[in-house]
Amino acid sequence: MNTHPTKSIWTATPEDGDLEKISVGQAIVKAAERFGNQEYVVYACQGDTENARWTFSELNALSDRLAAALIQSGYAPGDKVAVWGANHRQWILLEYAIAKAGLILVALNPLYKSRELIYALDTAQAKGIFHADIIRGERVAALIDDIAADAPSLKFKHSFTEGIEDLFNLNAPVDQGLLNNVSADSVQMIQYTSGTTGLPKAPQLSHRSVTTSGRNGFRACGFGEGDRVCLGFPLFHIGGSGFGVLGSVMTGATLLPLVVFNARRTLDVLERERCTGFVGVPSMLIAMLEDETFTSRDLSALRFINVGGAPVPTELVIKCETAFQAEIANGYGQTECSGSMTCIRSKDSTEKKSSTCGKALPGVSLKVIDDEGSVVELGRQGELCYQGPGKMLGYLNLEDDKTIDDEGWLHTGDLATMDAEGYITLVGRLKDIIIRGGENISPTEIENFLLKHPDVDEASVFGIPDQKYGEIVCAAIRSRAKNHASADEIKAWCMDNISLWKIPEHINFVNEFPATPSGKIKKFVLRDQLITSLNNP
């Protein structure tokens, strides 16, 4: 309800059970009791190695055994355990086992390069790491050995295959009293997200925050027992391990994660497994529509598609609803609020679906404020702020950060408007962040990296709109060298040192940067210049 008839402030009344405190371990225990032998996690059409089907009861029992083995092997409650790999089925098993043992999961992007891996492990003071055998064609165990000296807290290393099998072979006794003694208010997960300073931030999320937000997000989408939801989000992302994994366990839905997104394999999953829902980013929908087999597919079971992580143009909503014959819903959230803040409901009008990101989830309060911190009038632009059960406990590595103010409001850094019914429309960002296909990217981080190249004297990184990814990374570079490296050569140099999605897609060389009187680079001018040149080759 709107707590003031003319002001941009809204509180969504909690429904029964919406604010229940429950740990991640308790969530799978209760789901096993309620849903038993129903399928919970299904890996199908994933190639030769990842196909698997786990019921709620099976995954609960397996995670009990693995949690007991973690404790017996030397981990203690509160220890940080990193997970590094794509959407392997072991990722979900580990999420529950780590939670039951009272440990803290540190989610790592599988595309991290060595310097990014070192930063993440060292910041979290990770005691152990579980990893895929191969990432980008390289043996991961060797990569970890190479950086071990720079991550002195790391004591244990386990592969998703032999490492987990070795732990199971310990046959550690399961102490249900110990495993059920984890506080719902304790830290469950640390996820990294780009910050405006260039150093990744490390939001700490509690058990309660991720279970509650996951459940309420799934309910808002209309997902529940009997639904089969294909998950396109990566598990290292809050949309995967939070919204997807915990939303499904809290509602009794079957989850079908994609190991790595591939349009044709995703269509195989949707068709052969009779999926009723799909969750992913807009670029995935575009890729599926462009697949030559799309028109021959039987997707008649599909009824709901939830998209997030990037703006969803009106044209795409209309096109996808027609092509997939399913309702398209946009949602909005941040890692700092456990991934879910607002959501479109199935009963909402086409106008609301295509022009807003929905309204607050149950138990969530939202407000839009001006530069002075005052709540603005309805329809007026300002910064969106959040209060609710999904709010992070704070950043692990930024003790003096003011993202959460003295009154407990989380400042999103996003510009938005609110209408009289509480629907939120995003209009821009206060934060200097690029969002490419759902990934937050810090321009400062990339600028600092580019300056390490001997031919780069100054660099300015910014995003430009892109139909597929929402935004793409671009850079303007000033070089005093007469025969400086080309744009392609600089991209190739980047390939060896930073993750693929951070590499600028377009690089322009300039003689000087447009600047304000105070010397701040006018990135909007660089952005407009590049867009004009691309449109007029």
Protein backbone atom coordinates (compact mmCIF):
# COMPACT_ATOMS: atom_id res chain seq x y z
CA MET A 1 0.00 0.00 0.00
CA ASN A 2 1.05 3.61 -0.52
CA THR A 3 1.78 5.12 2.87
CA HIS A 4 1.34 8.63 1.43
CA PRO A 5 -1.16 9.39 -1.37
CA THR A 6 1.09 11.75 -3.35
CA LYS A 7 4.60 10.55 -2.45
CA SER A 8 6.76 7.84 -4.03
CA ILE A 9 6.81 5.42 -1.11
CA TRP A 10 5.19 1.98 -1.05
CA THR A 11 5.04 -0.99 1.33
CA ALA A 12 3.82 -4.38 0.13
CA THR A 13 1.97 -6.22 2.89
CA PRO A 14 3.53 -9.60 3.77
CA GLU A 15 1.43 -12.67 3.08
CA ASP A 16 1.20 -15.64 5.45
CA GLY A 17 4.63 -17.13 5.94
CA ASP A 18 6.38 -14.53 3.80
CA LEU A 19 8.63 -13.37 6.61
CA GLU A 20 9.28 -16.78 8.17
CA LYS A 21 12.92 -17.20 9.17
CA ILE A 22 14.34 -20.34 7.62
CA SER A 23 17.89 -21.42 6.82
CA VAL A 24 18.94 -22.88 3.47
CA GLY A 25 19.50 -26.28 5.10
CA GLN A 26 16.07 -26.22 6.72
CA ALA A 27 14.56 -25.30 3.35
CA ILE A 28 15.67 -28.56 1.67
CA VAL A 29 14.75 -30.61 4.77
CA LYS A 30 11.21 -29.24 4.78
CA ALA A 31 10.91 -29.66 1.01
CA ALA A 32 11.95 -33.31 1.32
CA GLU A 33 9.29 -33.85 3.97
CA ARG A 34 6.63 -32.16 1.86
CA PHE A 35 7.51 -33.12 -1.72
CA GLY A 36 9.56 -36.31 -1.14
CA ASN A 37 10.09 -38.25 -4.35
CA GLN A 38 9.02 -35.51 -6.73
CA GLU A 39 11.77 -34.36 -9.09
CA TYR A 40 13.63 -31.34 -7.77
CA VAL A 41 16.79 -30.84 -9.86
CA VAL A 42 16.91 -32.13 -13.43
CA TYR A 43 19.84 -31.85 -15.83
CA ALA A 44 18.64 -32.97 -19.25
CA CYS A 45 19.82 -32.39 -22.84
CA GLN A 46 23.17 -31.18 -21.48
CA GLY A 47 25.50 -33.45 -23.40
CA ASP A 48 27.10 -36.65 -22.13
CA THR A 49 28.29 -35.69 -18.67
CA GLU A 50 25.76 -33.56 -16.83
CA ASN A 51 22.45 -35.41 -17.22
CA ALA A 52 20.99 -36.20 -13.80
CA ARG A 53 17.71 -36.29 -11.92
CA TRP A 54 17.45 -35.71 -8.18
CA THR A 55 14.30 -35.81 -6.09
CA PHE A 56 13.88 -33.52 -3.09
CA SER A 57 14.56 -36.47 -0.77
CA GLU A 58 17.67 -37.58 -2.67
CA LEU A 59 19.29 -34.16 -2.66
CA ASN A 60 18.45 -33.69 1.01
CA ALA A 61 20.14 -37.00 1.92
CA LEU A 62 23.18 -36.34 -0.27
CA SER A 63 23.70 -32.87 1.18
CA ASP A 64 23.46 -34.31 4.72
CA ARG A 65 26.28 -36.75 3.94
CA LEU A 66 28.46 -34.12 2.28
CA ALA A 67 27.90 -31.60 5.10
CA ALA A 68 28.99 -34.19 7.65
CA ALA A 69 32.09 -34.95 5.59
CA LEU A 70 32.99 -31.25 5.41
CA ILE A 71 32.91 -30.99 9.18
CA GLN A 72 34.91 -34.19 9.66
CA SER A 73 37.55 -33.11 7.13
CA GLY A 74 38.48 -29.99 9.10
CA TYR A 75 36.03 -27.20 8.29
CA ALA A 76 34.48 -25.28 11.19
CA PRO A 77 31.26 -23.21 11.29
CA GLY A 78 31.85 -19.78 9.78
CA ASP A 79 34.65 -20.90 7.45
CA LYS A 80 34.42 -19.58 3.90
CA VAL A 81 34.24 -22.12 1.07
CA ALA A 82 34.54 -20.98 -2.55
CA VAL A 83 32.74 -22.67 -5.44
CA TRP A 84 34.29 -22.15 -8.90
CA GLY A 85 32.64 -23.66 -11.95
CA ALA A 86 29.74 -23.40 -14.35
CA ASN A 87 26.21 -24.63 -13.59
CA HIS A 88 27.29 -28.18 -12.78
CA ARG A 89 24.87 -30.26 -10.73
CA GLN A 90 27.49 -30.43 -7.97
CA TRP A 91 27.11 -26.66 -7.52
CA ILE A 92 23.58 -27.10 -6.14
CA LEU A 93 24.60 -30.06 -3.96
CA LEU A 94 27.42 -27.93 -2.53
CA GLU A 95 25.10 -24.99 -1.88
CA TYR A 96 23.01 -27.12 0.46
CA ALA A 97 25.90 -29.05 2.04
CA ILE A 98 27.90 -25.90 2.79
CA ALA A 99 24.80 -24.28 4.31
CA LYS A 100 23.97 -27.30 6.50
CA ALA A 101 27.54 -27.42 7.83
CA GLY A 102 27.30 -23.79 8.94
CA LEU A 103 29.92 -22.69 6.40
CA ILE A 104 29.73 -19.66 4.11
CA LEU A 105 29.61 -20.14 0.34
CA VAL A 106 31.78 -17.79 -1.73
CA ALA A 107 30.41 -17.71 -5.27
CA LEU A 108 33.08 -17.30 -7.96
CA ASN A 109 32.56 -16.46 -11.62
CA PRO A 110 33.94 -19.37 -13.69
CA LEU A 111 35.45 -16.89 -16.16
CA TYR A 112 37.71 -15.25 -13.57
CA LYS A 113 41.31 -14.79 -14.58
CA SER A 114 44.09 -15.32 -12.02
CA ARG A 115 44.14 -11.75 -10.69
CA GLU A 116 40.36 -11.78 -10.18
CA LEU A 117 40.49 -15.17 -8.50
CA ILE A 118 43.23 -14.05 -6.12
CA TYR A 119 41.25 -10.95 -5.15
CA ALA A 120 38.06 -12.92 -4.47
CA LEU A 121 39.75 -15.65 -2.43
CA ASP A 122 41.90 -13.25 -0.45
CA THR A 123 39.06 -10.81 0.29
CA ALA A 124 36.86 -13.61 1.63
CA GLN A 125 39.77 -15.40 3.34
CA ALA A 126 38.45 -18.62 1.82
CA LYS A 127 39.61 -21.77 3.62
CA GLY A 128 38.67 -24.13 0.80
CA ILE A 129 37.62 -24.22 -2.83
CA PHE A 130 35.49 -26.63 -4.86
CA HIS A 131 36.16 -26.41 -8.58
CA ALA A 132 35.31 -27.80 -11.99
CA ASP A 133 37.96 -29.98 -13.60
CA ILE A 134 38.22 -27.88 -16.75
CA ILE A 135 37.43 -24.20 -17.36
CA ARG A 136 38.13 -22.57 -20.75
CA GLY A 137 40.09 -25.69 -21.73
CA GLU A 138 42.49 -25.36 -18.80
CA ARG A 139 42.96 -27.67 -15.84
CA VAL A 140 41.62 -25.74 -12.88
CA ALA A 141 43.63 -27.55 -10.20
CA ALA A 142 46.84 -26.32 -11.83
CA LEU A 143 45.51 -22.76 -12.04
CA ILE A 144 44.72 -22.81 -8.32
CA ASP A 145 48.16 -24.20 -7.51
CA ASP A 146 49.73 -21.35 -9.47
CA ILE A 147 48.03 -18.66 -7.33
CA ALA A 148 48.14 -20.51 -3.99
CA ALA A 149 50.94 -18.34 -2.63
CA ASP A 150 48.79 -15.24 -3.17
CA ALA A 151 45.82 -16.78 -1.31
CA PRO A 152 47.45 -17.96 1.95
CA SER A 153 44.12 -18.64 3.69
CA LEU A 154 43.36 -21.47 1.23
CA LYS A 155 43.95 -24.83 2.93
CA PHE A 156 41.73 -27.24 1.01
CA LYS A 157 41.15 -27.87 -2.68
CA HIS A 158 38.44 -30.24 -3.99
CA SER A 159 37.34 -31.00 -7.53
CA PHE A 160 33.67 -31.42 -8.41
CA THR A 161 34.48 -35.04 -9.33
CA GLU A 162 37.17 -36.88 -7.37
CA GLY A 163 37.23 -34.27 -4.61
CA ILE A 164 33.56 -34.66 -3.75
CA GLU A 165 33.80 -38.43 -4.16
CA ASP A 166 36.69 -38.51 -1.66
CA LEU A 167 34.57 -36.65 0.86
CA PHE A 168 31.67 -39.06 0.42
CA ASN A 169 34.10 -41.95 0.96
CA LEU A 170 34.80 -40.66 4.48
CA ASN A 171 31.36 -41.99 5.43
CA ALA A 172 31.14 -39.33 8.11
CA PRO A 173 28.29 -39.87 10.62
CA VAL A 174 25.41 -37.45 10.10
CA ASP A 175 24.50 -35.48 13.23
CA GLN A 176 21.08 -33.97 12.48
CA GLY A 177 21.23 -31.87 15.64
CA LEU A 178 24.44 -30.23 14.46
CA LEU A 179 23.26 -29.75 10.87
CA ASN A 180 19.96 -28.20 11.97
CA ASN A 181 21.61 -25.74 14.34
CA VAL A 182 22.43 -23.05 11.76
CA SER A 183 20.89 -19.63 12.43
CA ALA A 184 18.70 -18.20 9.67
CA ASP A 185 20.21 -14.78 10.44
CA SER A 186 23.81 -15.90 9.87
CA VAL A 187 25.74 -15.31 6.63
CA GLN A 188 24.98 -17.96 4.01
CA MET A 189 26.66 -16.60 0.91
CA ILE A 190 29.11 -14.00 -0.34
CA GLN A 191 28.69 -12.83 -3.93
CA TYR A 192 30.91 -10.38 -5.78
CA THR A 193 29.48 -7.47 -7.70
CA SER A 194 31.24 -4.60 -9.44
CA GLY A 195 31.70 -1.38 -7.51
CA THR A 196 32.19 2.15 -8.76
CA THR A 197 35.67 2.30 -7.20
CA GLY A 198 36.90 -0.45 -9.49
CA LEU A 199 37.25 -3.06 -6.73
CA PRO A 200 34.50 -5.71 -6.60
CA LYS A 201 32.19 -5.43 -3.61
CA ALA A 202 31.35 -8.50 -1.53
CA PRO A 203 27.71 -8.44 -0.32
CA GLN A 204 27.01 -10.81 2.57
CA LEU A 205 23.61 -12.48 2.33
CA SER A 206 21.91 -14.28 5.21
CA HIS A 207 20.06 -17.59 5.03
CA ARG A 208 16.80 -15.81 5.73
CA SER A 209 17.35 -13.18 3.05
CA VAL A 210 17.93 -15.65 0.22
CA THR A 211 15.23 -18.15 1.18
CA THR A 212 12.58 -15.46 1.68
CA SER A 213 13.43 -13.51 -1.48
CA GLY A 214 13.64 -16.68 -3.55
CA ARG A 215 10.25 -17.90 -2.35
CA ASN A 216 8.50 -14.55 -2.77
CA GLY A 217 10.03 -14.05 -6.21
CA PHE A 218 8.90 -17.49 -7.40
CA ARG A 219 5.42 -16.95 -6.00
CA ALA A 220 5.14 -13.58 -7.72
CA CYS A 221 5.98 -15.28 -11.01
CA GLY A 222 3.21 -17.80 -10.41
CA PHE A 223 5.61 -20.74 -10.02
CA GLY A 224 4.79 -23.53 -7.58
CA GLU A 225 4.43 -27.27 -7.09
CA GLY A 226 4.14 -29.03 -10.43
CA ASP A 227 5.96 -26.34 -12.40
CA ARG A 228 9.10 -27.21 -14.32
CA VAL A 229 11.33 -24.14 -14.56
CA CYS A 230 14.33 -23.97 -16.90
CA LEU A 231 17.02 -21.78 -15.34
CA GLY A 232 19.25 -19.74 -17.63
CA PHE A 233 20.97 -17.70 -14.92
CA PRO A 234 24.44 -18.81 -13.79
CA LEU A 235 24.56 -20.30 -10.30
CA PHE A 236 27.37 -17.98 -9.20
CA HIS A 237 24.84 -15.17 -9.82
CA ILE A 238 22.13 -14.41 -7.24
CA GLY A 239 19.55 -15.03 -9.97
CA GLY A 240 20.75 -18.65 -10.08
CA SER A 241 21.74 -19.71 -6.56
CA GLY A 242 19.20 -17.40 -4.90
CA PHE A 243 16.11 -16.86 -7.02
CA GLY A 244 16.38 -20.14 -8.97
CA VAL A 245 17.65 -22.73 -6.48
CA LEU A 246 15.91 -21.39 -3.39
CA GLY A 247 12.77 -20.15 -5.12
CA SER A 248 12.16 -23.66 -6.44
CA VAL A 249 12.89 -25.48 -3.17
CA MET A 250 10.63 -23.14 -1.22
CA THR A 251 7.70 -23.64 -3.59
CA GLY A 252 8.07 -27.25 -4.70
CA ALA A 253 8.87 -26.47 -8.34
CA THR A 254 11.25 -28.61 -10.40
CA LEU A 255 14.40 -26.78 -11.50
CA LEU A 256 16.16 -27.51 -14.80
CA PRO A 257 19.45 -25.53 -14.84
CA LEU A 258 21.45 -24.99 -18.01
CA VAL A 259 25.13 -25.89 -17.62
CA VAL A 260 26.02 -23.23 -20.19
CA PHE A 261 23.44 -21.38 -22.26
CA ASN A 262 23.09 -22.64 -25.82
CA ALA A 263 19.97 -21.64 -27.73
CA ARG A 264 19.31 -25.03 -29.35
CA ARG A 265 19.97 -27.07 -26.21
CA THR A 266 17.73 -24.72 -24.25
CA LEU A 267 14.94 -25.28 -26.75
CA ASP A 268 15.56 -29.02 -26.35
CA VAL A 269 15.11 -28.71 -22.58
CA LEU A 270 11.96 -26.60 -22.91
CA GLU A 271 10.41 -28.97 -25.42
CA ARG A 272 11.44 -32.43 -24.24
CA GLU A 273 11.03 -31.76 -20.51
CA ARG A 274 7.71 -29.94 -20.98
CA CYS A 275 8.90 -26.88 -19.10
CA THR A 276 6.20 -24.53 -17.84
CA GLY A 277 8.63 -21.70 -17.11
CA PHE A 278 11.90 -20.15 -18.23
CA VAL A 279 14.10 -17.71 -16.30
CA GLY A 280 16.95 -15.81 -17.95
CA VAL A 281 18.15 -12.59 -19.54
CA PRO A 282 16.67 -10.97 -22.67
CA SER A 283 19.60 -11.94 -24.91
CA MET A 284 18.74 -15.61 -24.33
CA LEU A 285 15.22 -15.10 -25.68
CA ILE A 286 16.62 -13.36 -28.75
CA ALA A 287 19.06 -16.21 -29.39
CA MET A 288 16.28 -18.81 -29.15
CA LEU A 289 14.04 -16.85 -31.51
CA GLU A 290 16.91 -16.69 -34.02
CA ASP A 291 17.56 -20.45 -33.91
CA GLU A 292 16.46 -22.05 -37.18
CA THR A 293 14.60 -24.84 -35.34
CA PHE A 294 12.44 -22.50 -33.26
CA THR A 295 9.34 -22.57 -35.47
CA SER A 296 9.23 -26.38 -35.44
CA ARG A 297 9.29 -26.66 -31.64
CA ASP A 298 6.39 -27.80 -29.46
CA LEU A 299 6.55 -25.36 -26.55
CA SER A 300 2.88 -25.69 -25.65
CA ALA A 301 3.67 -26.45 -21.98
CA LEU A 302 5.47 -23.13 -21.58
CA ARG A 303 3.26 -20.55 -19.89
CA PHE A 304 5.53 -18.06 -18.14
CA ILE A 305 8.91 -16.45 -18.91
CA ASN A 306 10.66 -14.30 -16.33
CA VAL A 307 13.43 -12.02 -17.55
CA GLY A 308 15.82 -9.88 -15.55
CA GLY A 309 19.37 -8.60 -15.45
CA ALA A 310 18.88 -6.13 -18.33
CA PRO A 311 16.22 -3.74 -19.66
CA VAL A 312 13.45 -5.40 -21.64
CA PRO A 313 12.30 -3.28 -24.62
CA THR A 314 8.58 -3.08 -25.34
CA GLU A 315 9.10 -4.56 -28.80
CA LEU A 316 10.81 -7.61 -27.32
CA VAL A 317 7.98 -8.23 -24.83
CA ILE A 318 5.38 -8.18 -27.61
CA LYS A 319 7.52 -10.26 -29.97
CA CYS A 320 8.29 -12.94 -27.38
CA GLU A 321 4.76 -13.25 -26.05
CA THR A 322 3.58 -13.87 -29.60
CA ALA A 323 6.37 -16.28 -30.57
CA PHE A 324 6.56 -18.32 -27.34
CA GLN A 325 2.82 -18.07 -26.63
CA ALA A 326 3.73 -17.41 -23.01
CA GLU A 327 3.48 -14.48 -20.65
CA ILE A 328 6.64 -12.41 -20.36
CA ALA A 329 7.37 -10.82 -16.99
CA ASN A 330 10.12 -8.42 -16.10
CA GLY A 331 11.62 -8.22 -12.64
CA TYR A 332 14.19 -6.09 -10.89
CA GLY A 333 16.65 -6.74 -8.12
CA GLN A 334 20.24 -6.49 -7.02
CA THR A 335 22.67 -8.82 -5.33
CA GLU A 336 22.45 -6.52 -2.30
CA CYS A 337 18.74 -7.36 -1.90
CA SER A 338 19.16 -11.10 -2.61
CA GLY A 339 18.15 -10.67 -6.23
CA SER A 340 14.43 -9.90 -6.02
CA MET A 341 12.87 -6.54 -5.31
CA THR A 342 10.01 -6.07 -7.76
CA CYS A 343 8.15 -8.27 -10.24
CA ILE A 344 5.44 -8.03 -12.87
CA ARG A 345 2.42 -10.24 -12.09
CA SER A 346 0.59 -12.34 -14.64
CA LYS A 347 -2.57 -10.24 -14.29
CA ASP A 348 -0.75 -7.03 -15.16
CA SER A 349 -1.55 -5.19 -18.36
CA THR A 350 0.65 -5.22 -21.45
CA GLU A 351 1.47 -1.57 -20.75
CA LYS A 352 2.73 -2.37 -17.25
CA LYS A 353 4.73 -5.36 -18.54
CA SER A 354 6.46 -3.37 -21.23
CA SER A 355 7.03 -0.08 -19.41
CA THR A 356 7.74 -1.05 -15.78
CA CYS A 357 9.60 -3.70 -13.81
CA GLY A 358 6.60 -4.39 -11.60
CA LYS A 359 5.85 -3.59 -8.00
CA ALA A 360 7.33 -4.56 -4.66
CA LEU A 361 7.36 -8.17 -3.50
CA PRO A 362 5.54 -9.00 -0.23
CA GLY A 363 7.21 -7.50 2.81
CA VAL A 364 9.25 -5.05 0.70
CA SER A 365 9.16 -1.27 1.11
CA LEU A 366 10.35 1.02 -1.67
CA LYS A 367 10.80 4.76 -1.91
CA VAL A 368 12.18 7.23 -4.43
CA ILE A 369 14.23 10.11 -3.02
CA ASP A 370 15.89 13.30 -4.23
CA ASP A 371 19.47 14.47 -3.66
CA GLU A 372 18.55 15.69 -0.18
CA GLY A 373 17.07 12.36 0.86
CA SER A 374 13.44 13.51 0.74
CA VAL A 375 10.74 11.30 -0.81
CA VAL A 376 9.72 12.76 -4.19
CA GLU A 377 6.24 13.21 -5.62
CA LEU A 378 4.69 10.34 -7.60
CA GLY A 379 6.03 10.20 -11.15
CA ARG A 380 9.14 12.22 -10.35
CA GLN A 381 12.60 10.74 -10.91
CA GLY A 382 14.92 9.97 -8.02
CA GLU A 383 17.05 7.26 -6.43
CA LEU A 384 15.26 4.02 -5.60
CA CYS A 385 15.72 2.75 -2.02
CA TYR A 386 14.81 -0.64 -0.54
CA GLN A 387 13.79 -2.10 2.80
CA GLY A 388 12.89 -5.76 3.09
CA PRO A 389 13.77 -9.29 4.14
CA GLY A 390 16.29 -9.73 1.30
CA LYS A 391 18.57 -6.90 2.40
CA MET A 392 22.23 -7.83 2.69
CA LEU A 393 24.00 -7.80 6.05
CA GLY A 394 26.60 -5.45 4.59
CA TYR A 395 29.73 -5.65 2.44
CA LEU A 396 32.48 -7.92 3.69
CA ASN A 397 35.21 -5.59 2.43
CA LEU A 398 33.67 -2.13 2.95
CA GLU A 399 32.98 -1.53 6.62
CA ASP A 400 32.34 2.21 6.27
CA ASP A 401 30.13 1.91 3.20
CA LYS A 402 26.94 4.00 3.25
CA THR A 403 24.88 1.87 0.86
CA ILE A 404 22.63 1.13 3.85
CA ASP A 405 21.78 4.39 5.61
CA ASP A 406 21.21 5.02 9.32
CA GLU A 407 17.49 4.25 8.96
CA GLY A 408 18.19 0.88 7.35
CA TRP A 409 17.30 1.81 3.76
CA LEU A 410 19.44 0.24 1.04
CA HIS A 411 20.30 2.84 -1.62
CA THR A 412 20.28 1.07 -4.99
CA GLY A 413 22.09 3.74 -7.00
CA ASP A 414 19.41 3.36 -9.68
CA LEU A 415 17.15 6.17 -10.87
CA ALA A 416 13.46 5.34 -11.01
CA THR A 417 9.92 6.66 -10.90
CA MET A 418 6.92 5.24 -9.03
CA ASP A 419 3.31 5.54 -10.11
CA ALA A 420 0.19 5.69 -7.92
CA GLU A 421 -0.16 1.88 -7.96
CA GLY A 422 3.42 1.31 -6.80
CA TYR A 423 4.87 0.21 -10.16
CA ILE A 424 8.52 1.06 -10.65
CA THR A 425 10.07 2.28 -13.90
CA LEU A 426 13.87 2.37 -14.12
CA VAL A 427 15.18 5.42 -15.96
CA GLY A 428 18.93 5.36 -15.41
CA ARG A 429 21.72 4.93 -12.89
CA LEU A 430 23.49 7.10 -10.41
CA LYS A 431 26.26 4.52 -10.28
CA ASP A 432 28.85 4.40 -13.02
CA ILE A 433 28.12 0.76 -13.81
CA ILE A 434 27.64 -1.02 -17.14
CA ILE A 435 25.16 -3.91 -17.21
CA ARG A 436 25.95 -6.36 -20.02
CA GLY A 437 23.64 -9.34 -20.27
CA GLY A 438 22.92 -9.22 -16.55
CA GLU A 439 26.56 -8.78 -15.47
CA ASN A 440 27.53 -5.65 -13.55
CA ILE A 441 30.78 -4.23 -14.90
CA SER A 442 32.87 -1.50 -13.31
CA PRO A 443 34.28 0.98 -15.86
CA THR A 444 36.91 2.02 -13.30
CA GLU A 445 38.23 -1.52 -13.01
CA ILE A 446 38.68 -1.78 -16.78
CA GLU A 447 40.17 1.72 -17.03
CA ASN A 448 42.76 0.87 -14.39
CA PHE A 449 43.60 -2.31 -16.24
CA LEU A 450 43.94 -0.62 -19.66
CA LEU A 451 46.41 1.86 -18.17
CA LYS A 452 48.82 -1.05 -17.64
CA HIS A 453 49.27 -1.30 -21.42
CA PRO A 454 52.42 0.59 -22.45
CA ASP A 455 50.61 2.43 -25.27
CA VAL A 456 47.69 3.66 -23.14
CA ASP A 457 48.13 7.02 -21.45
CA GLU A 458 44.48 7.67 -20.61
CA ALA A 459 41.38 5.52 -20.88
CA SER A 460 37.68 6.11 -20.43
CA VAL A 461 35.28 3.15 -20.39
CA PHE A 462 31.51 3.42 -20.87
CA GLY A 463 28.54 1.45 -22.11
CA ILE A 464 26.39 1.90 -25.19
CA PRO A 465 22.96 0.35 -25.83
CA ASP A 466 22.87 -3.06 -27.46
CA GLN A 467 19.80 -4.93 -28.65
CA LYS A 468 21.10 -8.33 -27.52
CA TYR A 469 22.93 -7.61 -24.26
CA GLY A 470 21.26 -4.40 -23.11
CA GLU A 471 24.65 -2.67 -22.99
CA ILE A 472 28.13 -3.46 -24.25
CA VAL A 473 31.50 -2.24 -23.00
CA CYS A 474 33.35 0.39 -25.04
CA ALA A 475 36.49 2.44 -24.48
CA ALA A 476 38.12 5.65 -25.62
CA ILE A 477 41.91 5.68 -25.39
CA ARG A 478 44.48 8.44 -25.67
CA SER A 479 48.00 7.44 -26.63
CA ARG A 480 51.12 9.55 -27.11
CA ALA A 481 52.83 6.75 -29.04
CA LYS A 482 52.92 7.49 -32.77
CA ASN A 483 52.69 3.83 -33.72
CA HIS A 484 50.49 2.64 -30.88
CA ALA A 485 48.86 -0.78 -30.70
CA SER A 486 45.66 -1.14 -32.69
CA ALA A 487 42.24 -1.70 -31.17
CA ASP A 488 42.39 -5.39 -32.09
CA GLU A 489 45.84 -5.74 -30.54
CA ILE A 490 44.66 -4.17 -27.30
CA LYS A 491 41.64 -6.50 -27.24
CA ALA A 492 43.94 -9.48 -27.73
CA TRP A 493 46.11 -8.24 -24.84
CA CYS A 494 43.00 -7.98 -22.68
CA MET A 495 42.02 -11.57 -23.50
CA ASP A 496 44.94 -12.91 -21.50
CA ASN A 497 44.21 -10.89 -18.40
CA ILE A 498 40.54 -10.07 -17.81
CA SER A 499 37.25 -11.88 -18.23
CA LEU A 500 35.75 -11.94 -21.70
CA TRP A 501 32.63 -9.92 -20.89
CA LYS A 502 34.77 -7.04 -19.57
CA ILE A 503 36.77 -6.59 -22.78
CA PRO A 504 35.70 -3.47 -24.72
CA GLU A 505 33.86 -4.41 -27.89
CA HIS A 506 34.64 -1.06 -29.51
CA ILE A 507 37.80 0.97 -28.90
CA ASN A 508 38.24 4.51 -30.21
CA PHE A 509 41.49 6.44 -30.13
CA VAL A 510 41.17 10.15 -29.34
CA ASN A 511 43.61 13.05 -29.18
CA GLU A 512 41.93 14.50 -26.12
CA PHE A 513 38.91 13.81 -23.91
CA PRO A 514 35.92 16.14 -23.66
CA ALA A 515 35.89 17.37 -20.08
CA THR A 516 33.98 19.53 -17.61
CA PRO A 517 35.62 22.69 -16.17
CA SER A 518 36.68 20.60 -13.18
CA GLY A 519 38.42 18.13 -15.51
CA LYS A 520 35.93 15.25 -15.30
CA ILE A 521 35.62 13.35 -18.56
CA LYS A 522 32.25 13.75 -20.26
CA LYS A 523 31.51 10.10 -20.93
CA PHE A 524 28.13 10.93 -22.42
CA VAL A 525 29.92 12.85 -25.20
CA LEU A 526 32.21 9.90 -25.92
CA ARG A 527 29.19 7.61 -25.89
CA ASP A 528 27.25 9.79 -28.34
CA GLN A 529 30.26 10.14 -30.62
CA LEU A 530 30.75 6.38 -30.79
CA ILE A 531 27.06 5.66 -31.39
CA THR A 532 27.04 8.23 -34.22
CA SER A 533 30.13 6.71 -35.84
CA LEU A 534 28.69 3.20 -35.61
CA ASN A 535 25.42 4.33 -37.16
CA ASN A 536 27.25 6.18 -39.95
CA PRO A 537 30.17 3.95 -40.95
